[in-house]
Amino acid sequence: MVYAVNAEECIACGACVPVCAVEAISEMDDGKAVIDANKCNDCGDCADVCPVECIKQQ
């Protein structure tokens, strides 16, 4: 299973972007994070640093 961002809860802080070792996370125009499911290796580092816990396993 991979991780996904709940865009409604994301506060666009960007904390998750630099911790992704496989560069699966990008920011949309509104600054909210998006995870590319094809790149995600299911490590959970992004979820660990999210201050609002909006990143969950799918």
C-alpha atoms as a PDB file:
ATOM      1  CA  MET A   1       0.000   0.000   0.000  1.00  0.00           C
ATOM      2  CA  VAL A   2       1.155   3.513  -0.718  1.00  0.00           C
ATOM      3  CA  TYR A   3       0.578   6.819   1.012  1.00  0.00           C
ATOM      4  CA  ALA A   4      -1.751   9.618  -0.079  1.00  0.00           C
ATOM      5  CA  VAL A   5      -2.420  13.180   1.059  1.00  0.00           C
ATOM      6  CA  ASN A   6      -5.865  14.345   2.109  1.00  0.00           C
ATOM      7  CA  ALA A   7      -5.873  17.688   0.261  1.00  0.00           C
ATOM      8  CA  GLU A   8      -8.675  19.057   2.433  1.00  0.00           C
ATOM      9  CA  GLU A   9      -6.547  18.644   5.553  1.00  0.00           C
ATOM     10  CA  CYS A  10      -3.148  19.578   4.052  1.00  0.00           C
ATOM     11  CA  ILE A  11      -1.882  22.966   5.266  1.00  0.00           C
ATOM     12  CA  ALA A  12       0.763  23.229   2.521  1.00  0.00           C
ATOM     13  CA  CYS A  13       3.644  23.392   4.995  1.00  0.00           C
ATOM     14  CA  GLY A  14       5.977  21.415   2.712  1.00  0.00           C
ATOM     15  CA  ALA A  15       7.495  19.365   5.545  1.00  0.00           C
ATOM     16  CA  CYS A  16       6.939  16.110   3.668  1.00  0.00           C
ATOM     17  CA  VAL A  17       8.613  17.089   0.389  1.00  0.00           C
ATOM     18  CA  PRO A  18      12.288  17.010   1.452  1.00  0.00           C
ATOM     19  CA  VAL A  19      11.990  13.783   3.484  1.00  0.00           C
ATOM     20  CA  CYS A  20      10.870  11.688   0.524  1.00  0.00           C
ATOM     21  CA  ALA A  21      13.931   9.718  -0.564  1.00  0.00           C
ATOM     22  CA  VAL A  22      12.343   8.687  -3.871  1.00  0.00           C
ATOM     23  CA  GLU A  23      11.038  12.183  -4.721  1.00  0.00           C
ATOM     24  CA  ALA A  24       7.437  10.961  -4.925  1.00  0.00           C
ATOM     25  CA  ILE A  25       6.008  14.132  -3.387  1.00  0.00           C
ATOM     26  CA  SER A  26       5.433  17.341  -5.277  1.00  0.00           C
ATOM     27  CA  GLU A  27       3.498  20.508  -4.566  1.00  0.00           C
ATOM     28  CA  MET A  28       0.487  21.605  -6.570  1.00  0.00           C
ATOM     29  CA  ASP A  29      -0.165  25.223  -7.541  1.00  0.00           C
ATOM     30  CA  ASP A  30      -1.969  25.839  -4.273  1.00  0.00           C
ATOM     31  CA  GLY A  31       1.047  24.490  -2.403  1.00  0.00           C
ATOM     32  CA  LYS A  32      -0.593  21.314  -1.160  1.00  0.00           C
ATOM     33  CA  ALA A  33       1.345  18.070  -1.384  1.00  0.00           C
ATOM     34  CA  VAL A  34       0.637  15.334  -3.902  1.00  0.00           C
ATOM     35  CA  ILE A  35       2.174  11.855  -3.747  1.00  0.00           C
ATOM     36  CA  ASP A  36       2.892   9.960  -6.951  1.00  0.00           C
ATOM     37  CA  ALA A  37       1.685   6.432  -6.171  1.00  0.00           C
ATOM     38  CA  ASN A  38       3.946   4.988  -8.860  1.00  0.00           C
ATOM     39  CA  LYS A  39       7.041   6.350  -7.101  1.00  0.00           C
ATOM     40  CA  CYS A  40       6.023   5.881  -3.441  1.00  0.00           C
ATOM     41  CA  ASN A  41       7.950   3.061  -1.754  1.00  0.00           C
ATOM     42  CA  ASP A  42       5.657   2.945   1.298  1.00  0.00           C
ATOM     43  CA  CYS A  43       8.327   4.000   3.808  1.00  0.00           C
ATOM     44  CA  GLY A  44       6.075   6.325   5.825  1.00  0.00           C
ATOM     45  CA  ASP A  45       8.652   9.075   6.376  1.00  0.00           C
ATOM     46  CA  CYS A  46       6.241  11.674   4.976  1.00  0.00           C
ATOM     47  CA  ALA A  47       3.454  10.653   7.356  1.00  0.00           C
ATOM     48  CA  ASP A  48       5.867  10.781  10.284  1.00  0.00           C
ATOM     49  CA  VAL A  49       6.724  14.459   9.693  1.00  0.00           C
ATOM     50  CA  CYS A  50       3.240  15.727   8.781  1.00  0.00           C
ATOM     51  CA  PRO A  51       2.128  18.133  11.544  1.00  0.00           C
ATOM     52  CA  VAL A  52      -1.583  17.694  10.776  1.00  0.00           C
ATOM     53  CA  GLU A  53      -1.470  13.936  10.079  1.00  0.00           C
ATOM     54  CA  CYS A  54      -3.105  14.284   6.652  1.00  0.00           C
ATOM     55  CA  ILE A  55      -0.912  11.628   5.013  1.00  0.00           C
ATOM     56  CA  LYS A  56      -2.265   8.115   5.360  1.00  0.00           C
ATOM     57  CA  GLN A  57      -1.701   4.685   3.836  1.00  0.00           C
ATOM     58  CA  GLN A  58      -4.188   3.825   1.131  1.00  0.00           C
END
